[in-house]
C-alpha atoms as a PDB file:
ATOM      1  CA  MET A   1     107.953  98.885 101.065  1.00  0.00           C
ATOM      2  CA  ASN A   2     111.193  98.300 102.938  1.00  0.00           C
ATOM      3  CA  THR A   3     110.801 100.659 105.873  1.00  0.00           C
ATOM      4  CA  MET A   4     114.282  99.780 107.127  1.00  0.00           C
ATOM      5  CA  THR A   5     115.586 102.203 104.511  1.00  0.00           C
ATOM      6  CA  LEU A   6     114.329 104.935 106.845  1.00  0.00           C
ATOM      7  CA  TRP A   7     117.234 104.128 109.141  1.00  0.00           C
ATOM      8  CA  HIS A   8     119.855 104.343 106.410  1.00  0.00           C
ATOM      9  CA  ILE A   9     120.208 108.115 106.397  1.00  0.00           C
ATOM     10  CA  SER A  10     123.361 110.100 106.948  1.00  0.00           C
ATOM     11  CA  GLY A  11     123.856 113.019 109.320  1.00  0.00           C
ATOM     12  CA  TRP A  12     123.467 115.472 106.447  1.00  0.00           C
ATOM     13  CA  GLU A  13     120.259 113.800 105.345  1.00  0.00           C
ATOM     14  CA  PHE A  14     118.844 113.966 108.879  1.00  0.00           C
ATOM     15  CA  ALA A  15     119.825 117.648 108.999  1.00  0.00           C
ATOM     16  CA  ALA A  16     117.913 118.185 105.745  1.00  0.00           C
ATOM     17  CA  LEU A  17     114.842 116.438 107.192  1.00  0.00           C
ATOM     18  CA  ALA A  18     115.125 118.548 110.363  1.00  0.00           C
ATOM     19  CA  ALA A  19     115.236 121.719 108.265  1.00  0.00           C
ATOM     20  CA  ALA A  20     112.172 120.480 106.374  1.00  0.00           C
ATOM     21  CA  ALA A  21     110.354 119.917 109.692  1.00  0.00           C
ATOM     22  CA  LEU A  22     111.310 123.441 110.791  1.00  0.00           C
ATOM     23  CA  LEU A  23     109.879 124.790 107.540  1.00  0.00           C
ATOM     24  CA  VAL A  24     106.645 122.865 108.138  1.00  0.00           C
ATOM     25  CA  GLY A  25     106.161 124.722 111.425  1.00  0.00           C
ATOM     26  CA  PHE A  26     106.989 128.029 109.756  1.00  0.00           C
ATOM     27  CA  SER A  27     104.650 127.451 106.826  1.00  0.00           C
ATOM     28  CA  LYS A  28     101.728 126.496 109.074  1.00  0.00           C
ATOM     29  CA  THR A  29     101.861 129.795 110.984  1.00  0.00           C
ATOM     30  CA  ALA A  30     103.144 132.142 108.270  1.00  0.00           C
ATOM     31  CA  VAL A  31     102.931 131.133 104.587  1.00  0.00           C
ATOM     32  CA  SER A  32     100.599 128.216 103.936  1.00  0.00           C
ATOM     33  CA  GLY A  33     101.804 126.049 101.062  1.00  0.00           C
ATOM     34  CA  ALA A  34     105.494 126.750 101.621  1.00  0.00           C
ATOM     35  CA  ASN A  35     105.883 123.208 102.917  1.00  0.00           C
ATOM     36  CA  THR A  36     106.019 121.983  99.328  1.00  0.00           C
ATOM     37  CA  VAL A  37     109.751 122.543  99.846  1.00  0.00           C
ATOM     38  CA  SER A  38     109.572 120.155 102.815  1.00  0.00           C
ATOM     39  CA  LEU A  39     107.838 117.628 100.590  1.00  0.00           C
ATOM     40  CA  ALA A  40     110.634 117.861  98.030  1.00  0.00           C
ATOM     41  CA  ILE A  41     113.278 117.362 100.734  1.00  0.00           C
ATOM     42  CA  PHE A  42     111.518 114.336 102.257  1.00  0.00           C
ATOM     43  CA  ALA A  43     111.002 112.755  98.834  1.00  0.00           C
ATOM     44  CA  ALA A  44     114.660 113.366  97.943  1.00  0.00           C
ATOM     45  CA  VAL A  45     116.046 111.816 101.167  1.00  0.00           C
ATOM     46  CA  LEU A  46     113.552 108.949 101.653  1.00  0.00           C
ATOM     47  CA  PRO A  47     111.865 106.540  99.229  1.00  0.00           C
ATOM     48  CA  ALA A  48     109.035 108.417  97.529  1.00  0.00           C
ATOM     49  CA  ARG A  49     106.179 106.343  98.951  1.00  0.00           C
ATOM     50  CA  ALA A  50     107.720 106.229 102.428  1.00  0.00           C
ATOM     51  CA  SER A  51     108.264 109.988 102.387  1.00  0.00           C
ATOM     52  CA  THR A  52     104.524 110.716 102.225  1.00  0.00           C
ATOM     53  CA  GLY A  53     103.872 108.640 105.340  1.00  0.00           C
ATOM     54  CA  ALA A  54     106.882 109.973 107.245  1.00  0.00           C
ATOM     55  CA  LEU A  55     105.909 113.587 106.552  1.00  0.00           C
ATOM     56  CA  LEU A  56     102.236 113.262 107.510  1.00  0.00           C
ATOM     57  CA  PRO A  57     102.667 113.222 111.352  1.00  0.00           C
ATOM     58  CA  ILE A  58     105.043 116.192 111.040  1.00  0.00           C
ATOM     59  CA  LEU A  59     102.364 118.085 109.149  1.00  0.00           C
ATOM     60  CA  ILE A  60      99.743 117.182 111.765  1.00  0.00           C
ATOM     61  CA  ALA A  61     102.000 118.543 114.513  1.00  0.00           C
ATOM     62  CA  GLY A  62     102.277 121.799 112.562  1.00  0.00           C
ATOM     63  CA  ASP A  63      98.503 121.850 112.039  1.00  0.00           C
ATOM     64  CA  VAL A  64      97.901 121.554 115.797  1.00  0.00           C
ATOM     65  CA  LEU A  65     100.190 124.522 116.478  1.00  0.00           C
ATOM     66  CA  ALA A  66      98.488 126.546 113.735  1.00  0.00           C
ATOM     67  CA  VAL A  67      95.020 125.806 115.148  1.00  0.00           C
ATOM     68  CA  LEU A  68      96.144 126.854 118.628  1.00  0.00           C
ATOM     69  CA  THR A  69      97.484 130.100 117.140  1.00  0.00           C
ATOM     70  CA  TYR A  70      94.643 131.074 114.762  1.00  0.00           C
ATOM     71  CA  ARG A  71      91.626 129.090 116.027  1.00  0.00           C
ATOM     72  CA  ARG A  72      89.425 132.198 116.396  1.00  0.00           C
ATOM     73  CA  HIS A  73      89.749 133.166 112.733  1.00  0.00           C
ATOM     74  CA  ALA A  74      88.406 130.079 110.919  1.00  0.00           C
ATOM     75  CA  HIS A  75      85.497 130.466 108.467  1.00  0.00           C
ATOM     76  CA  TRP A  76      83.484 127.269 108.981  1.00  0.00           C
ATOM     77  CA  PRO A  77      80.921 127.702 106.143  1.00  0.00           C
ATOM     78  CA  THR A  78      83.808 127.513 103.687  1.00  0.00           C
ATOM     79  CA  LEU A  79      85.204 124.422 105.409  1.00  0.00           C
ATOM     80  CA  TRP A  80      81.887 122.559 105.306  1.00  0.00           C
ATOM     81  CA  ARG A  81      81.547 123.260 101.585  1.00  0.00           C
ATOM     82  CA  LEU A  82      85.031 121.881 100.904  1.00  0.00           C
ATOM     83  CA  PHE A  83      85.059 118.664 102.933  1.00  0.00           C
ATOM     84  CA  PRO A  84      82.775 116.434 100.782  1.00  0.00           C
ATOM     85  CA  ALA A  85      84.792 117.154  97.633  1.00  0.00           C
ATOM     86  CA  VAL A  86      88.054 116.691  99.510  1.00  0.00           C
ATOM     87  CA  ALA A  87      86.890 113.258 100.668  1.00  0.00           C
ATOM     88  CA  VAL A  88      86.388 112.236  97.035  1.00  0.00           C
ATOM     89  CA  GLY A  89      89.903 113.413  96.210  1.00  0.00           C
ATOM     90  CA  VAL A  90      91.429 111.546  99.181  1.00  0.00           C
ATOM     91  CA  VAL A  91      89.769 108.285  98.127  1.00  0.00           C
ATOM     92  CA  ALA A  92      90.993 108.761  94.549  1.00  0.00           C
ATOM     93  CA  GLY A  93      94.507 109.430  95.838  1.00  0.00           C
ATOM     94  CA  THR A  94      94.383 106.293  98.004  1.00  0.00           C
ATOM     95  CA  VAL A  95      93.424 104.162  95.004  1.00  0.00           C
ATOM     96  CA  PHE A  96      96.285 105.701  93.029  1.00  0.00           C
ATOM     97  CA  LEU A  97      98.821 104.947  95.798  1.00  0.00           C
ATOM     98  CA  GLU A  98      97.587 101.354  96.025  1.00  0.00           C
ATOM     99  CA  TRP A  99      98.278 100.910  92.316  1.00  0.00           C
ATOM    100  CA  ALA A 100     101.451 102.978  91.824  1.00  0.00           C
ATOM    101  CA  ASP A 101     104.986 101.793  92.530  1.00  0.00           C
ATOM    102  CA  ASP A 102     107.760 103.954  94.027  1.00  0.00           C
ATOM    103  CA  GLY A 103     108.996 105.218  90.656  1.00  0.00           C
ATOM    104  CA  ILE A 104     105.546 106.314  89.554  1.00  0.00           C
ATOM    105  CA  VAL A 105     104.903 107.989  92.902  1.00  0.00           C
ATOM    106  CA  ARG A 106     108.239 109.843  92.721  1.00  0.00           C
ATOM    107  CA  THR A 107     107.510 111.053  89.189  1.00  0.00           C
ATOM    108  CA  SER A 108     103.972 112.000  90.191  1.00  0.00           C
ATOM    109  CA  ILE A 109     105.222 114.004  93.171  1.00  0.00           C
ATOM    110  CA  GLY A 110     107.651 115.858  90.905  1.00  0.00           C
ATOM    111  CA  ALA A 111     104.905 116.600  88.378  1.00  0.00           C
ATOM    112  CA  ILE A 112     102.506 117.710  91.136  1.00  0.00           C
ATOM    113  CA  LEU A 113     105.162 120.032  92.556  1.00  0.00           C
ATOM    114  CA  LEU A 114     105.684 121.632  89.148  1.00  0.00           C
ATOM    115  CA  LEU A 115     101.924 122.004  88.783  1.00  0.00           C
ATOM    116  CA  MET A 116     101.698 123.551  92.249  1.00  0.00           C
ATOM    117  CA  ALA A 117     104.493 126.000  91.408  1.00  0.00           C
ATOM    118  CA  GLY A 118     102.518 127.112  88.354  1.00  0.00           C
ATOM    119  CA  VAL A 119      99.334 127.286  90.427  1.00  0.00           C
ATOM    120  CA  THR A 120     101.064 129.486  92.986  1.00  0.00           C
ATOM    121  CA  VAL A 121     102.298 131.910  90.308  1.00  0.00           C
ATOM    122  CA  TRP A 122      98.806 132.144  88.856  1.00  0.00           C
ATOM    123  CA  ARG A 123      97.330 132.583  92.350  1.00  0.00           C
ATOM    124  CA  ARG A 124      99.590 135.534  93.111  1.00  0.00           C
ATOM    125  CA  ARG A 125      98.521 137.273  89.904  1.00  0.00           C
ATOM    126  CA  THR A 126      94.780 136.784  90.461  1.00  0.00           C
ATOM    127  CA  ALA A 127      94.381 136.900  94.237  1.00  0.00           C
ATOM    128  CA  ASP A 128      93.495 140.593  94.274  1.00  0.00           C
ATOM    129  CA  THR A 129      90.878 140.398  91.509  1.00  0.00           C
ATOM    130  CA  GLU A 130      88.331 138.023  93.022  1.00  0.00           C
ATOM    131  CA  GLY A 131      85.344 138.558  95.292  1.00  0.00           C
ATOM    132  CA  GLU A 132      84.833 138.415  99.042  1.00  0.00           C
ATOM    133  CA  PRO A 133      84.736 135.199 101.100  1.00  0.00           C
ATOM    134  CA  ASP A 134      80.936 135.055 100.950  1.00  0.00           C
ATOM    135  CA  SER A 135      81.243 134.531  97.171  1.00  0.00           C
ATOM    136  CA  VAL A 136      81.589 130.807  97.961  1.00  0.00           C
ATOM    137  CA  ALA A 137      77.828 130.787  98.617  1.00  0.00           C
ATOM    138  CA  THR A 138      77.035 131.401  94.937  1.00  0.00           C
ATOM    139  CA  ARG A 139      76.612 128.609  92.398  1.00  0.00           C
ATOM    140  CA  ALA A 140      79.918 129.499  90.766  1.00  0.00           C
ATOM    141  CA  GLY A 141      81.510 129.530  94.214  1.00  0.00           C
ATOM    142  CA  ARG A 142      80.184 126.046  94.971  1.00  0.00           C
ATOM    143  CA  VAL A 143      81.497 124.679  91.687  1.00  0.00           C
ATOM    144  CA  LYS A 144      84.880 126.238  92.390  1.00  0.00           C
ATOM    145  CA  ALA A 145      84.909 124.811  95.912  1.00  0.00           C
ATOM    146  CA  ARG A 146      84.168 121.306  94.617  1.00  0.00           C
ATOM    147  CA  SER A 147      86.829 121.514  91.922  1.00  0.00           C
ATOM    148  CA  TYR A 148      89.508 122.753  94.265  1.00  0.00           C
ATOM    149  CA  GLY A 149      88.352 120.323  96.955  1.00  0.00           C
ATOM    150  CA  VAL A 150      88.779 117.244  94.748  1.00  0.00           C
ATOM    151  CA  LEU A 151      92.167 118.420  93.480  1.00  0.00           C
ATOM    152  CA  GLY A 152      93.264 119.354  96.992  1.00  0.00           C
ATOM    153  CA  GLY A 153      92.183 115.994  98.407  1.00  0.00           C
ATOM    154  CA  PHE A 154      94.004 114.065  95.667  1.00  0.00           C
ATOM    155  CA  THR A 155      97.217 116.067  95.896  1.00  0.00           C
ATOM    156  CA  THR A 156      97.300 115.994  99.687  1.00  0.00           C
ATOM    157  CA  MET A 157      96.801 112.204  99.741  1.00  0.00           C
ATOM    158  CA  VAL A 158      99.332 111.393  97.027  1.00  0.00           C
ATOM    159  CA  ALA A 159     102.007 113.941  97.897  1.00  0.00           C
ATOM    160  CA  ASN A 160     100.929 115.992 100.944  1.00  0.00           C
ATOM    161  CA  ALA A 161     100.851 118.827  98.403  1.00  0.00           C
ATOM    162  CA  GLY A 162      97.391 120.251  98.914  1.00  0.00           C
ATOM    163  CA  GLY A 163      98.691 123.486 100.442  1.00  0.00           C
ATOM    164  CA  PRO A 164      99.121 125.517  97.244  1.00  0.00           C
ATOM    165  CA  VAL A 165      95.733 124.336  95.935  1.00  0.00           C
ATOM    166  CA  MET A 166      93.924 125.442  99.073  1.00  0.00           C
ATOM    167  CA  SER A 167      95.993 128.614  99.298  1.00  0.00           C
ATOM    168  CA  MET A 168      94.909 129.567  95.803  1.00  0.00           C
ATOM    169  CA  TYR A 169      91.276 128.800  96.589  1.00  0.00           C
ATOM    170  CA  LEU A 170      91.159 130.725  99.869  1.00  0.00           C
ATOM    171  CA  LEU A 171      92.925 133.768  98.457  1.00  0.00           C
ATOM    172  CA  SER A 172      90.769 133.781  95.334  1.00  0.00           C
ATOM    173  CA  ALA A 173      87.710 133.739  97.622  1.00  0.00           C
ATOM    174  CA  GLY A 174      88.889 136.988  99.203  1.00  0.00           C
ATOM    175  CA  PHE A 175      90.221 135.851 102.578  1.00  0.00           C
ATOM    176  CA  ARG A 176      92.467 138.237 104.461  1.00  0.00           C
ATOM    177  CA  LYS A 177      95.576 137.026 106.249  1.00  0.00           C
ATOM    178  CA  LEU A 178      94.152 135.926 109.625  1.00  0.00           C
ATOM    179  CA  GLY A 179      90.995 134.409 108.138  1.00  0.00           C
ATOM    180  CA  PHE A 180      93.143 132.642 105.582  1.00  0.00           C
ATOM    181  CA  LEU A 181      95.472 131.190 108.237  1.00  0.00           C
ATOM    182  CA  GLY A 182      92.669 130.178 110.617  1.00  0.00           C
ATOM    183  CA  THR A 183      90.574 128.475 107.945  1.00  0.00           C
ATOM    184  CA  SER A 184      93.624 126.776 106.448  1.00  0.00           C
ATOM    185  CA  ALA A 185      94.757 125.548 109.892  1.00  0.00           C
ATOM    186  CA  PHE A 186      91.493 123.752 110.671  1.00  0.00           C
ATOM    187  CA  PHE A 187      91.159 122.473 107.112  1.00  0.00           C
ATOM    188  CA  PHE A 188      94.532 120.724 107.095  1.00  0.00           C
ATOM    189  CA  LEU A 189      94.291 119.436 110.660  1.00  0.00           C
ATOM    190  CA  ILE A 190      91.005 117.684 109.885  1.00  0.00           C
ATOM    191  CA  VAL A 191      92.083 116.456 106.446  1.00  0.00           C
ATOM    192  CA  ASN A 192      95.523 115.243 107.539  1.00  0.00           C
ATOM    193  CA  VAL A 193      94.149 113.385 110.568  1.00  0.00           C
ATOM    194  CA  SER A 194      91.553 111.727 108.305  1.00  0.00           C
ATOM    195  CA  LYS A 195      94.379 110.526 106.037  1.00  0.00           C
ATOM    196  CA  VAL A 196      96.115 108.568 108.819  1.00  0.00           C
ATOM    197  CA  PRO A 197      94.000 105.366 108.534  1.00  0.00           C
ATOM    198  CA  PHE A 198      94.510 105.333 104.753  1.00  0.00           C
ATOM    199  CA  SER A 199      98.264 105.806 105.136  1.00  0.00           C
ATOM    200  CA  VAL A 200      98.498 103.061 107.762  1.00  0.00           C
ATOM    201  CA  GLY A 201      96.482 100.729 105.552  1.00  0.00           C
ATOM    202  CA  LEU A 202      98.844 101.397 102.647  1.00  0.00           C
ATOM    203  CA  GLY A 203     101.871 100.694 104.855  1.00  0.00           C
ATOM    204  CA  LEU A 204     103.116 104.273 104.611  1.00  0.00           C
ATOM    205  CA  ILE A 205     103.059 104.791 108.388  1.00  0.00           C
ATOM    206  CA  ASP A 206     104.541 102.175 110.729  1.00  0.00           C
ATOM    207  CA  GLY A 207     106.734 101.940 113.806  1.00  0.00           C
ATOM    208  CA  HIS A 208     109.932 102.841 111.951  1.00  0.00           C
ATOM    209  CA  SER A 209     108.487 105.976 110.362  1.00  0.00           C
ATOM    210  CA  LEU A 210     106.926 107.077 113.660  1.00  0.00           C
ATOM    211  CA  LEU A 211     110.271 106.807 115.456  1.00  0.00           C
ATOM    212  CA  LEU A 212     111.813 109.014 112.782  1.00  0.00           C
ATOM    213  CA  ASP A 213     108.929 111.456 113.216  1.00  0.00           C
ATOM    214  CA  LEU A 214     109.515 111.476 116.970  1.00  0.00           C
ATOM    215  CA  ALA A 215     113.078 112.631 116.353  1.00  0.00           C
ATOM    216  CA  LEU A 216     111.965 115.311 113.886  1.00  0.00           C
ATOM    217  CA  VAL A 217     108.810 116.729 115.457  1.00  0.00           C
ATOM    218  CA  VAL A 218     110.770 118.826 117.959  1.00  0.00           C
ATOM    219  CA  PHE A 219     111.937 120.992 115.044  1.00  0.00           C
ATOM    220  CA  VAL A 220     108.343 121.899 114.114  1.00  0.00           C
ATOM    221  CA  VAL A 221     107.837 123.936 117.308  1.00  0.00           C
ATOM    222  CA  PRO A 222     110.574 126.562 116.778  1.00  0.00           C
ATOM    223  CA  GLY A 223     109.506 126.825 113.141  1.00  0.00           C
ATOM    224  CA  ALA A 224     105.959 127.633 114.247  1.00  0.00           C
ATOM    225  CA  PHE A 225     107.174 130.300 116.685  1.00  0.00           C
ATOM    226  CA  ILE A 226     109.363 131.859 113.996  1.00  0.00           C
ATOM    227  CA  GLY A 227     106.365 131.897 111.655  1.00  0.00           C
ATOM    228  CA  LYS A 228     104.121 133.533 114.245  1.00  0.00           C
ATOM    229  CA  TRP A 229     106.761 136.209 114.841  1.00  0.00           C
ATOM    230  CA  ALA A 230     107.386 136.755 111.125  1.00  0.00           C
ATOM    231  CA  VAL A 231     103.822 136.700 109.781  1.00  0.00           C
ATOM    232  CA  ASN A 232     103.427 140.480 110.113  1.00  0.00           C
ATOM    233  CA  ARG A 233     107.026 141.260 109.184  1.00  0.00           C
ATOM    234  CA  ILE A 234     107.901 138.951 106.301  1.00  0.00           C
ATOM    235  CA  ASN A 235     108.233 140.184 102.740  1.00  0.00           C
ATOM    236  CA  GLN A 236     105.810 137.605 101.417  1.00  0.00           C
ATOM    237  CA  ARG A 237     106.364 138.377  97.751  1.00  0.00           C
ATOM    238  CA  LEU A 238     110.093 137.646  97.978  1.00  0.00           C
ATOM    239  CA  PHE A 239     109.509 134.593 100.134  1.00  0.00           C
ATOM    240  CA  GLU A 240     106.965 133.109  97.721  1.00  0.00           C
ATOM    241  CA  ARG A 241     109.409 133.620  94.863  1.00  0.00           C
ATOM    242  CA  LEU A 242     112.034 131.675  96.819  1.00  0.00           C
ATOM    243  CA  VAL A 243     109.494 128.958  97.621  1.00  0.00           C
ATOM    244  CA  ILE A 244     108.527 128.636  93.969  1.00  0.00           C
ATOM    245  CA  ALA A 245     112.168 128.417  92.905  1.00  0.00           C
ATOM    246  CA  ALA A 246     112.981 125.790  95.538  1.00  0.00           C
ATOM    247  CA  THR A 247     109.864 123.823  94.638  1.00  0.00           C
ATOM    248  CA  VAL A 248     110.799 123.764  90.955  1.00  0.00           C
ATOM    249  CA  VAL A 249     114.347 122.617  91.780  1.00  0.00           C
ATOM    250  CA  GLY A 250     112.985 119.854  94.018  1.00  0.00           C
ATOM    251  CA  ALA A 251     110.467 118.765  91.388  1.00  0.00           C
ATOM    252  CA  VAL A 252     113.073 118.578  88.640  1.00  0.00           C
ATOM    253  CA  GLN A 253     115.368 116.597  90.944  1.00  0.00           C
ATOM    254  CA  LEU A 254     112.595 114.044  91.510  1.00  0.00           C
ATOM    255  CA  LEU A 255     111.763 113.803  87.812  1.00  0.00           C
ATOM    256  CA  VAL A 256     115.362 113.151  86.722  1.00  0.00           C
ATOM    257  CA  ARG A 257     116.335 110.974  89.720  1.00  0.00           C
END
């Protein structure tokens, strides 16, 4: 990977990346999974493989802010059930990234985004029909946790796109807003930090990408504050529709690029 391409961005492209970083902060404290739009922007501005490494530290910064905001609301039994399956998915995603070239990764990200858009639509239609959070203790709940965990680990490693998968799982398990945000915050902080050695080993994170992250991370903070302010005021149904539409546009752009 030629990381020097990270420096060859215009002012408009940097502005787009800054807006994506702002949205990361907002999504981490308001609507988990909305950062699929950020993923599409990063993958459109930067080389597809490089974009996954450049975005990861931005996501971790957002995760830290989310944990500081909602740390008292995490449901740890659910997290412990998810982590082993997620680890399997992360390893599978690492193997895929080792094998795939930039074109395949770009196409895969586009396809994953389209899948996640469909997943989000299905999630919104079924979120109110499932059981309570303790349903994850049943056999069916454990099978569901493993399935979503593997898919979430793979998608978060390949495309940083595990948000919609985990959002669907947590909502289908009956989590209310604060429990959802607290559990999601710790989940992604732990998972994203664990991905760093894999990303460094694959050459996705290096000095050039970290310098770009240093310039962008300041935009995560105001996004997180806006999300914290808006979480009880936002019309989530309208916002999710906009997120889905933007995600589909970004996915199609990657597939035809």
